[in-house]
């Protein structure tokens, strides 16, 4: 049976350190309105879409670190996005930093959720392949401390039958490893939703921006082709707190071809 799902890849501009959650959610709602005007069924937002990419800073005060995390979802700041999705009848994918209690212990994850057209959270993914390092490195121009602030995701790579398709999720560095796509591919995935925040210049490598973009796209294209799945890769772009994010959002067909960029 043929099915059509119209998807919007909602690339974000930079989110500065002093931007409030409320201001960011207003921007997300504007993008959702634009997606609805173009008859989208689903909108995909990037990784850590509610805040600046805070792992670029070294912080020792856990209370300070935790200001970047969401303890509930939805919460007062994000509820307008859920309300709008319900009103418009549009699903969305959202990345954020999650602080949660499990088995009477506090855990912190780099998380993405899938919300259906009724505004209900129907799936959650927690990032497995955490890049970067865990301690301050004085040799770097900026830090990449995901290993310090997040735990490795504990939900695996499930797929979800919803909104007319079989959907899966992953986050940023997950896209660089074939196992990510293959685990979902073996479950019959038809579309992978993938948010990322990737700098144009690496902290530890001398790759040119051109080569970094090439690697960004080829990893997603190969995952799509090898597993006959659509891949929706969505980023932030621009100067975020004096660090340039590369953007390069794409919609990739199961042939491996980029059909929108």
C-alpha atoms as a PDB file:
ATOM      1  CA  UNK A   1       0.000   0.000   0.000  1.00  0.00           C
ATOM      2  CA  UNK A   2       1.426   3.370  -0.977  1.00  0.00           C
ATOM      3  CA  UNK A   3       1.653   5.974   1.774  1.00  0.00           C
ATOM      4  CA  UNK A   4       2.749   9.586   1.773  1.00  0.00           C
ATOM      5  CA  UNK A   5       4.196  11.278   4.870  1.00  0.00           C
ATOM      6  CA  UNK A   6       5.160  14.907   4.344  1.00  0.00           C
ATOM      7  CA  UNK A   7       8.130  15.751   6.581  1.00  0.00           C
ATOM      8  CA  UNK A   8       9.631  19.117   7.455  1.00  0.00           C
ATOM      9  CA  UNK A   9      13.330  19.286   8.388  1.00  0.00           C
ATOM     10  CA  UNK A  10      13.264  22.270  10.746  1.00  0.00           C
ATOM     11  CA  UNK A  11      16.874  23.474  10.768  1.00  0.00           C
ATOM     12  CA  UNK A  12      17.450  25.969  13.573  1.00  0.00           C
ATOM     13  CA  UNK A  13      19.625  29.004  13.731  1.00  0.00           C
ATOM     14  CA  UNK A  14      21.940  29.348  16.722  1.00  0.00           C
ATOM     15  CA  UNK A  15      20.644  29.396  20.288  1.00  0.00           C
ATOM     16  CA  UNK A  16      22.751  31.666  22.455  1.00  0.00           C
ATOM     17  CA  UNK A  17      23.633  30.975  26.063  1.00  0.00           C
ATOM     18  CA  UNK A  18      21.329  33.710  27.346  1.00  0.00           C
ATOM     19  CA  UNK A  19      18.310  32.745  25.221  1.00  0.00           C
ATOM     20  CA  UNK A  20      15.373  31.619  27.374  1.00  0.00           C
ATOM     21  CA  UNK A  21      13.487  28.374  26.850  1.00  0.00           C
ATOM     22  CA  UNK A  22      10.348  30.413  26.196  1.00  0.00           C
ATOM     23  CA  UNK A  23      12.034  32.351  23.388  1.00  0.00           C
ATOM     24  CA  UNK A  24      13.351  29.144  21.820  1.00  0.00           C
ATOM     25  CA  UNK A  25       9.953  27.426  22.006  1.00  0.00           C
ATOM     26  CA  UNK A  26       8.400  30.443  20.293  1.00  0.00           C
ATOM     27  CA  UNK A  27      10.872  29.950  17.448  1.00  0.00           C
ATOM     28  CA  UNK A  28      10.017  26.244  17.264  1.00  0.00           C
ATOM     29  CA  UNK A  29       6.326  27.092  17.115  1.00  0.00           C
ATOM     30  CA  UNK A  30       6.952  29.495  14.222  1.00  0.00           C
ATOM     31  CA  UNK A  31       8.710  26.722  12.316  1.00  0.00           C
ATOM     32  CA  UNK A  32       5.857  24.331  13.071  1.00  0.00           C
ATOM     33  CA  UNK A  33       3.388  26.881  11.708  1.00  0.00           C
ATOM     34  CA  UNK A  34       5.431  27.125   8.506  1.00  0.00           C
ATOM     35  CA  UNK A  35       5.533  23.338   8.251  1.00  0.00           C
ATOM     36  CA  UNK A  36       1.772  23.153   8.696  1.00  0.00           C
ATOM     37  CA  UNK A  37       1.314  25.723   5.919  1.00  0.00           C
ATOM     38  CA  UNK A  38       3.217  23.325   3.658  1.00  0.00           C
ATOM     39  CA  UNK A  39       1.007  20.380   4.694  1.00  0.00           C
ATOM     40  CA  UNK A  40       3.628  18.604   6.785  1.00  0.00           C
ATOM     41  CA  UNK A  41       2.540  15.636   8.874  1.00  0.00           C
ATOM     42  CA  UNK A  42       5.756  15.588  10.892  1.00  0.00           C
ATOM     43  CA  UNK A  43       8.399  18.176  11.861  1.00  0.00           C
ATOM     44  CA  UNK A  44      11.924  17.142  12.863  1.00  0.00           C
ATOM     45  CA  UNK A  45      13.865  19.496  15.165  1.00  0.00           C
ATOM     46  CA  UNK A  46      17.605  19.125  15.956  1.00  0.00           C
ATOM     47  CA  UNK A  47      19.556  17.659  18.866  1.00  0.00           C
ATOM     48  CA  UNK A  48      19.442  19.774  22.063  1.00  0.00           C
ATOM     49  CA  UNK A  49      16.902  22.028  20.373  1.00  0.00           C
ATOM     50  CA  UNK A  50      15.946  23.954  23.538  1.00  0.00           C
ATOM     51  CA  UNK A  51      19.365  25.294  24.523  1.00  0.00           C
ATOM     52  CA  UNK A  52      22.769  26.231  23.274  1.00  0.00           C
ATOM     53  CA  UNK A  53      25.151  23.282  22.894  1.00  0.00           C
ATOM     54  CA  UNK A  54      26.319  23.505  26.499  1.00  0.00           C
ATOM     55  CA  UNK A  55      28.862  20.609  26.416  1.00  0.00           C
ATOM     56  CA  UNK A  56      31.312  23.054  24.835  1.00  0.00           C
ATOM     57  CA  UNK A  57      31.874  24.504  28.331  1.00  0.00           C
ATOM     58  CA  UNK A  58      33.622  22.950  31.306  1.00  0.00           C
ATOM     59  CA  UNK A  59      31.498  23.168  34.461  1.00  0.00           C
ATOM     60  CA  UNK A  60      32.238  21.691  37.888  1.00  0.00           C
ATOM     61  CA  UNK A  61      29.091  22.856  39.696  1.00  0.00           C
ATOM     62  CA  UNK A  62      26.433  20.182  39.112  1.00  0.00           C
ATOM     63  CA  UNK A  63      23.660  22.645  39.921  1.00  0.00           C
ATOM     64  CA  UNK A  64      24.907  24.829  37.076  1.00  0.00           C
ATOM     65  CA  UNK A  65      25.054  21.837  34.729  1.00  0.00           C
ATOM     66  CA  UNK A  66      21.523  20.834  35.636  1.00  0.00           C
ATOM     67  CA  UNK A  67      20.092  24.194  34.575  1.00  0.00           C
ATOM     68  CA  UNK A  68      20.485  22.942  30.984  1.00  0.00           C
ATOM     69  CA  UNK A  69      18.373  19.805  31.604  1.00  0.00           C
ATOM     70  CA  UNK A  70      14.610  19.214  31.473  1.00  0.00           C
ATOM     71  CA  UNK A  71      13.149  17.308  34.442  1.00  0.00           C
ATOM     72  CA  UNK A  72       9.756  16.749  32.838  1.00  0.00           C
ATOM     73  CA  UNK A  73       8.449  16.753  29.290  1.00  0.00           C
ATOM     74  CA  UNK A  74       6.334  18.582  28.497  1.00  0.00           C
ATOM     75  CA  UNK A  75       6.947  21.293  31.075  1.00  0.00           C
ATOM     76  CA  UNK A  76       5.712  24.855  31.457  1.00  0.00           C
ATOM     77  CA  UNK A  77       8.162  26.185  28.872  1.00  0.00           C
ATOM     78  CA  UNK A  78       7.581  23.493  26.238  1.00  0.00           C
ATOM     79  CA  UNK A  79       3.824  23.001  26.682  1.00  0.00           C
ATOM     80  CA  UNK A  80       2.996  25.621  23.982  1.00  0.00           C
ATOM     81  CA  UNK A  81       4.761  23.457  21.384  1.00  0.00           C
ATOM     82  CA  UNK A  82       2.696  20.418  22.393  1.00  0.00           C
ATOM     83  CA  UNK A  83      -0.490  22.506  22.376  1.00  0.00           C
ATOM     84  CA  UNK A  84       0.254  23.805  18.892  1.00  0.00           C
ATOM     85  CA  UNK A  85       1.001  20.318  17.591  1.00  0.00           C
ATOM     86  CA  UNK A  86      -2.384  19.147  18.893  1.00  0.00           C
ATOM     87  CA  UNK A  87      -4.162  22.140  17.401  1.00  0.00           C
ATOM     88  CA  UNK A  88      -2.531  21.714  13.987  1.00  0.00           C
ATOM     89  CA  UNK A  89      -2.618  17.913  13.977  1.00  0.00           C
ATOM     90  CA  UNK A  90       1.103  17.597  13.328  1.00  0.00           C
ATOM     91  CA  UNK A  91       3.707  15.298  14.869  1.00  0.00           C
ATOM     92  CA  UNK A  92       7.209  16.334  15.880  1.00  0.00           C
ATOM     93  CA  UNK A  93      10.637  15.065  16.920  1.00  0.00           C
ATOM     94  CA  UNK A  94      12.516  17.062  19.563  1.00  0.00           C
ATOM     95  CA  UNK A  95      15.992  16.718  21.045  1.00  0.00           C
ATOM     96  CA  UNK A  96      16.794  17.935  24.568  1.00  0.00           C
ATOM     97  CA  UNK A  97      18.863  17.216  27.695  1.00  0.00           C
ATOM     98  CA  UNK A  98      16.887  14.899  30.001  1.00  0.00           C
ATOM     99  CA  UNK A  99      17.295  14.641  33.783  1.00  0.00           C
ATOM    100  CA  UNK A 100      15.302  11.734  35.187  1.00  0.00           C
ATOM    101  CA  UNK A 101      14.895   9.541  38.253  1.00  0.00           C
ATOM    102  CA  UNK A 102      15.081   5.784  37.683  1.00  0.00           C
ATOM    103  CA  UNK A 103      15.341   3.231  40.495  1.00  0.00           C
ATOM    104  CA  UNK A 104      15.818   6.096  42.967  1.00  0.00           C
ATOM    105  CA  UNK A 105      18.889   7.320  41.090  1.00  0.00           C
ATOM    106  CA  UNK A 106      19.403  10.481  39.054  1.00  0.00           C
ATOM    107  CA  UNK A 107      20.358  10.008  35.408  1.00  0.00           C
ATOM    108  CA  UNK A 108      21.165  12.459  32.625  1.00  0.00           C
ATOM    109  CA  UNK A 109      20.791  11.680  28.930  1.00  0.00           C
ATOM    110  CA  UNK A 110      20.996  13.353  25.552  1.00  0.00           C
ATOM    111  CA  UNK A 111      17.455  12.518  24.505  1.00  0.00           C
ATOM    112  CA  UNK A 112      14.984  12.781  21.633  1.00  0.00           C
ATOM    113  CA  UNK A 113      11.241  12.212  21.725  1.00  0.00           C
ATOM    114  CA  UNK A 114       8.644  11.510  19.058  1.00  0.00           C
ATOM    115  CA  UNK A 115       5.276  13.168  19.551  1.00  0.00           C
ATOM    116  CA  UNK A 116       2.232  12.144  17.506  1.00  0.00           C
ATOM    117  CA  UNK A 117      -0.470  14.328  15.993  1.00  0.00           C
ATOM    118  CA  UNK A 118      -2.476  14.303  19.231  1.00  0.00           C
ATOM    119  CA  UNK A 119       0.411  15.828  21.198  1.00  0.00           C
ATOM    120  CA  UNK A 120       1.251  12.573  22.995  1.00  0.00           C
ATOM    121  CA  UNK A 121       4.833  11.391  23.492  1.00  0.00           C
ATOM    122  CA  UNK A 122       4.889   7.970  21.838  1.00  0.00           C
ATOM    123  CA  UNK A 123       8.621   7.203  21.753  1.00  0.00           C
ATOM    124  CA  UNK A 124      11.885   8.179  23.365  1.00  0.00           C
ATOM    125  CA  UNK A 125      15.511   7.646  22.350  1.00  0.00           C
ATOM    126  CA  UNK A 126      18.679   8.288  24.370  1.00  0.00           C
ATOM    127  CA  UNK A 127      21.968   8.894  22.573  1.00  0.00           C
ATOM    128  CA  UNK A 128      24.276   5.877  22.615  1.00  0.00           C
ATOM    129  CA  UNK A 129      27.467   7.056  20.870  1.00  0.00           C
ATOM    130  CA  UNK A 130      28.672   9.947  23.026  1.00  0.00           C
ATOM    131  CA  UNK A 131      31.603  11.816  21.428  1.00  0.00           C
ATOM    132  CA  UNK A 132      34.221  14.021  23.015  1.00  0.00           C
ATOM    133  CA  UNK A 133      35.852  13.692  26.417  1.00  0.00           C
ATOM    134  CA  UNK A 134      35.033  13.875  30.121  1.00  0.00           C
ATOM    135  CA  UNK A 135      37.726  16.148  31.584  1.00  0.00           C
ATOM    136  CA  UNK A 136      38.962  19.637  30.750  1.00  0.00           C
ATOM    137  CA  UNK A 137      41.599  19.693  28.003  1.00  0.00           C
ATOM    138  CA  UNK A 138      43.705  22.854  27.991  1.00  0.00           C
ATOM    139  CA  UNK A 139      45.017  22.059  24.514  1.00  0.00           C
ATOM    140  CA  UNK A 140      41.617  22.610  22.904  1.00  0.00           C
ATOM    141  CA  UNK A 141      40.128  25.873  21.702  1.00  0.00           C
ATOM    142  CA  UNK A 142      36.787  24.672  23.026  1.00  0.00           C
ATOM    143  CA  UNK A 143      35.621  21.618  24.953  1.00  0.00           C
ATOM    144  CA  UNK A 144      33.353  18.755  23.883  1.00  0.00           C
ATOM    145  CA  UNK A 145      32.225  17.281  27.180  1.00  0.00           C
ATOM    146  CA  UNK A 146      29.280  15.058  26.334  1.00  0.00           C
ATOM    147  CA  UNK A 147      31.000  12.194  28.139  1.00  0.00           C
ATOM    148  CA  UNK A 148      31.092  14.378  31.256  1.00  0.00           C
ATOM    149  CA  UNK A 149      27.484  15.511  31.265  1.00  0.00           C
ATOM    150  CA  UNK A 150      25.576  12.560  29.771  1.00  0.00           C
ATOM    151  CA  UNK A 151      25.298   8.839  30.349  1.00  0.00           C
ATOM    152  CA  UNK A 152      25.246   6.361  27.482  1.00  0.00           C
ATOM    153  CA  UNK A 153      21.664   5.812  26.359  1.00  0.00           C
ATOM    154  CA  UNK A 154      19.919   2.730  27.735  1.00  0.00           C
ATOM    155  CA  UNK A 155      16.969   2.324  25.341  1.00  0.00           C
ATOM    156  CA  UNK A 156      18.726   0.817  22.337  1.00  0.00           C
ATOM    157  CA  UNK A 157      17.559   1.540  18.787  1.00  0.00           C
ATOM    158  CA  UNK A 158      13.874   0.544  18.670  1.00  0.00           C
ATOM    159  CA  UNK A 159      11.449   1.361  15.864  1.00  0.00           C
ATOM    160  CA  UNK A 160       7.894   2.592  16.206  1.00  0.00           C
ATOM    161  CA  UNK A 161       4.837   1.970  14.037  1.00  0.00           C
ATOM    162  CA  UNK A 162       3.129   5.339  14.022  1.00  0.00           C
ATOM    163  CA  UNK A 163       1.872   8.139  11.782  1.00  0.00           C
ATOM    164  CA  UNK A 164       1.684   5.809   8.790  1.00  0.00           C
ATOM    165  CA  UNK A 165       5.229   4.478   8.900  1.00  0.00           C
ATOM    166  CA  UNK A 166       7.920   2.590  10.799  1.00  0.00           C
ATOM    167  CA  UNK A 167      10.055   5.282  12.398  1.00  0.00           C
ATOM    168  CA  UNK A 168      13.336   5.184  14.303  1.00  0.00           C
ATOM    169  CA  UNK A 169      15.529   7.791  15.986  1.00  0.00           C
ATOM    170  CA  UNK A 170      19.188   8.498  16.630  1.00  0.00           C
ATOM    171  CA  UNK A 171      21.232  11.562  17.590  1.00  0.00           C
ATOM    172  CA  UNK A 172      24.273  13.270  16.065  1.00  0.00           C
ATOM    173  CA  UNK A 173      27.371  11.056  16.490  1.00  0.00           C
ATOM    174  CA  UNK A 174      25.167   7.954  16.258  1.00  0.00           C
ATOM    175  CA  UNK A 175      24.899   8.700  12.532  1.00  0.00           C
ATOM    176  CA  UNK A 176      28.583   7.941  11.965  1.00  0.00           C
ATOM    177  CA  UNK A 177      28.315   4.230  12.858  1.00  0.00           C
ATOM    178  CA  UNK A 178      26.709   1.593  10.614  1.00  0.00           C
ATOM    179  CA  UNK A 179      25.339  -0.358  13.575  1.00  0.00           C
ATOM    180  CA  UNK A 180      22.909   2.483  14.306  1.00  0.00           C
ATOM    181  CA  UNK A 181      21.082   2.088  11.018  1.00  0.00           C
ATOM    182  CA  UNK A 182      21.499  -1.673  10.814  1.00  0.00           C
ATOM    183  CA  UNK A 183      19.806  -2.401  14.138  1.00  0.00           C
ATOM    184  CA  UNK A 184      16.813  -0.354  13.003  1.00  0.00           C
ATOM    185  CA  UNK A 185      17.029  -1.749   9.476  1.00  0.00           C
ATOM    186  CA  UNK A 186      16.670  -5.293  10.762  1.00  0.00           C
ATOM    187  CA  UNK A 187      13.412  -4.150  12.384  1.00  0.00           C
ATOM    188  CA  UNK A 188      12.085  -2.819   9.076  1.00  0.00           C
ATOM    189  CA  UNK A 189      12.663   0.891   9.676  1.00  0.00           C
ATOM    190  CA  UNK A 190      11.314   3.151   6.939  1.00  0.00           C
ATOM    191  CA  UNK A 191      12.418   6.547   8.223  1.00  0.00           C
ATOM    192  CA  UNK A 192      15.196   7.553  10.641  1.00  0.00           C
ATOM    193  CA  UNK A 193      14.792  10.892  12.437  1.00  0.00           C
ATOM    194  CA  UNK A 194      18.168  12.348  13.319  1.00  0.00           C
ATOM    195  CA  UNK A 195      19.041  15.634  15.027  1.00  0.00           C
ATOM    196  CA  UNK A 196      22.599  16.928  15.326  1.00  0.00           C
ATOM    197  CA  UNK A 197      24.753  19.886  16.481  1.00  0.00           C
ATOM    198  CA  UNK A 198      28.062  19.674  14.623  1.00  0.00           C
ATOM    199  CA  UNK A 199      30.694  22.446  14.582  1.00  0.00           C
ATOM    200  CA  UNK A 200      32.185  23.559  11.286  1.00  0.00           C
ATOM    201  CA  UNK A 201      35.665  23.198  12.818  1.00  0.00           C
ATOM    202  CA  UNK A 202      36.585  20.210  14.997  1.00  0.00           C
ATOM    203  CA  UNK A 203      38.056  20.564  18.462  1.00  0.00           C
ATOM    204  CA  UNK A 204      40.605  17.790  17.953  1.00  0.00           C
ATOM    205  CA  UNK A 205      40.909  17.377  14.183  1.00  0.00           C
ATOM    206  CA  UNK A 206      42.279  19.483  11.336  1.00  0.00           C
ATOM    207  CA  UNK A 207      39.534  18.569   8.870  1.00  0.00           C
ATOM    208  CA  UNK A 208      38.424  21.319   6.538  1.00  0.00           C
ATOM    209  CA  UNK A 209      34.784  22.450   6.761  1.00  0.00           C
ATOM    210  CA  UNK A 210      34.260  20.911   3.307  1.00  0.00           C
ATOM    211  CA  UNK A 211      35.516  17.503   4.458  1.00  0.00           C
ATOM    212  CA  UNK A 212      33.463  17.667   7.644  1.00  0.00           C
ATOM    213  CA  UNK A 213      30.310  18.324   5.616  1.00  0.00           C
ATOM    214  CA  UNK A 214      31.223  15.497   3.235  1.00  0.00           C
ATOM    215  CA  UNK A 215      31.554  13.072   6.151  1.00  0.00           C
ATOM    216  CA  UNK A 216      28.319  14.409   7.661  1.00  0.00           C
ATOM    217  CA  UNK A 217      26.357  13.603   4.524  1.00  0.00           C
ATOM    218  CA  UNK A 218      28.046  10.392   3.387  1.00  0.00           C
ATOM    219  CA  UNK A 219      27.416   8.641   6.708  1.00  0.00           C
ATOM    220  CA  UNK A 220      23.697   9.372   6.507  1.00  0.00           C
ATOM    221  CA  UNK A 221      23.513   8.553   2.784  1.00  0.00           C
ATOM    222  CA  UNK A 222      25.221   5.196   3.243  1.00  0.00           C
ATOM    223  CA  UNK A 223      22.957   4.320   6.188  1.00  0.00           C
ATOM    224  CA  UNK A 224      19.914   5.157   4.085  1.00  0.00           C
ATOM    225  CA  UNK A 225      21.089   3.182   1.046  1.00  0.00           C
ATOM    226  CA  UNK A 226      22.302   0.100   2.914  1.00  0.00           C
ATOM    227  CA  UNK A 227      19.066  -0.213   4.867  1.00  0.00           C
ATOM    228  CA  UNK A 228      16.532   1.062   2.311  1.00  0.00           C
ATOM    229  CA  UNK A 229      15.297   3.795   4.608  1.00  0.00           C
ATOM    230  CA  UNK A 230      14.628   7.494   4.479  1.00  0.00           C
ATOM    231  CA  UNK A 231      16.892   9.574   6.740  1.00  0.00           C
ATOM    232  CA  UNK A 232      15.898  13.026   7.954  1.00  0.00           C
ATOM    233  CA  UNK A 233      19.040  14.767   9.281  1.00  0.00           C
ATOM    234  CA  UNK A 234      18.373  18.118  10.952  1.00  0.00           C
ATOM    235  CA  UNK A 235      20.904  20.519  12.461  1.00  0.00           C
ATOM    236  CA  UNK A 236      21.494  23.916  13.940  1.00  0.00           C
ATOM    237  CA  UNK A 237      23.482  26.362  11.816  1.00  0.00           C
ATOM    238  CA  UNK A 238      25.293  29.624  12.426  1.00  0.00           C
ATOM    239  CA  UNK A 239      27.356  31.339  15.091  1.00  0.00           C
ATOM    240  CA  UNK A 240      26.292  29.986  18.478  1.00  0.00           C
ATOM    241  CA  UNK A 241      28.172  31.612  21.348  1.00  0.00           C
ATOM    242  CA  UNK A 242      31.141  32.299  19.027  1.00  0.00           C
ATOM    243  CA  UNK A 243      31.201  28.719  17.726  1.00  0.00           C
ATOM    244  CA  UNK A 244      30.043  28.072  14.161  1.00  0.00           C
ATOM    245  CA  UNK A 245      27.636  25.161  13.675  1.00  0.00           C
ATOM    246  CA  UNK A 246      27.730  23.595  10.225  1.00  0.00           C
ATOM    247  CA  UNK A 247      24.051  23.033   9.401  1.00  0.00           C
ATOM    248  CA  UNK A 248      23.709  20.949   6.252  1.00  0.00           C
ATOM    249  CA  UNK A 249      20.261  19.508   7.042  1.00  0.00           C
ATOM    250  CA  UNK A 250      19.102  16.918   4.525  1.00  0.00           C
ATOM    251  CA  UNK A 251      16.289  14.588   3.545  1.00  0.00           C
ATOM    252  CA  UNK A 252      17.781  11.410   2.061  1.00  0.00           C
ATOM    253  CA  UNK A 253      15.887   8.798   0.065  1.00  0.00           C
ATOM    254  CA  UNK A 254      16.331   5.009   0.430  1.00  0.00           C
ATOM    255  CA  UNK A 255      18.452   5.194  -2.746  1.00  0.00           C
ATOM    256  CA  UNK A 256      21.019   7.220  -0.781  1.00  0.00           C
ATOM    257  CA  UNK A 257      20.228  10.336  -2.795  1.00  0.00           C
ATOM    258  CA  UNK A 258      19.792  13.720  -1.125  1.00  0.00           C
ATOM    259  CA  UNK A 259      16.367  14.910  -2.226  1.00  0.00           C
ATOM    260  CA  UNK A 260      16.273  18.104  -0.147  1.00  0.00           C
ATOM    261  CA  UNK A 261      19.083  20.092   1.453  1.00  0.00           C
END
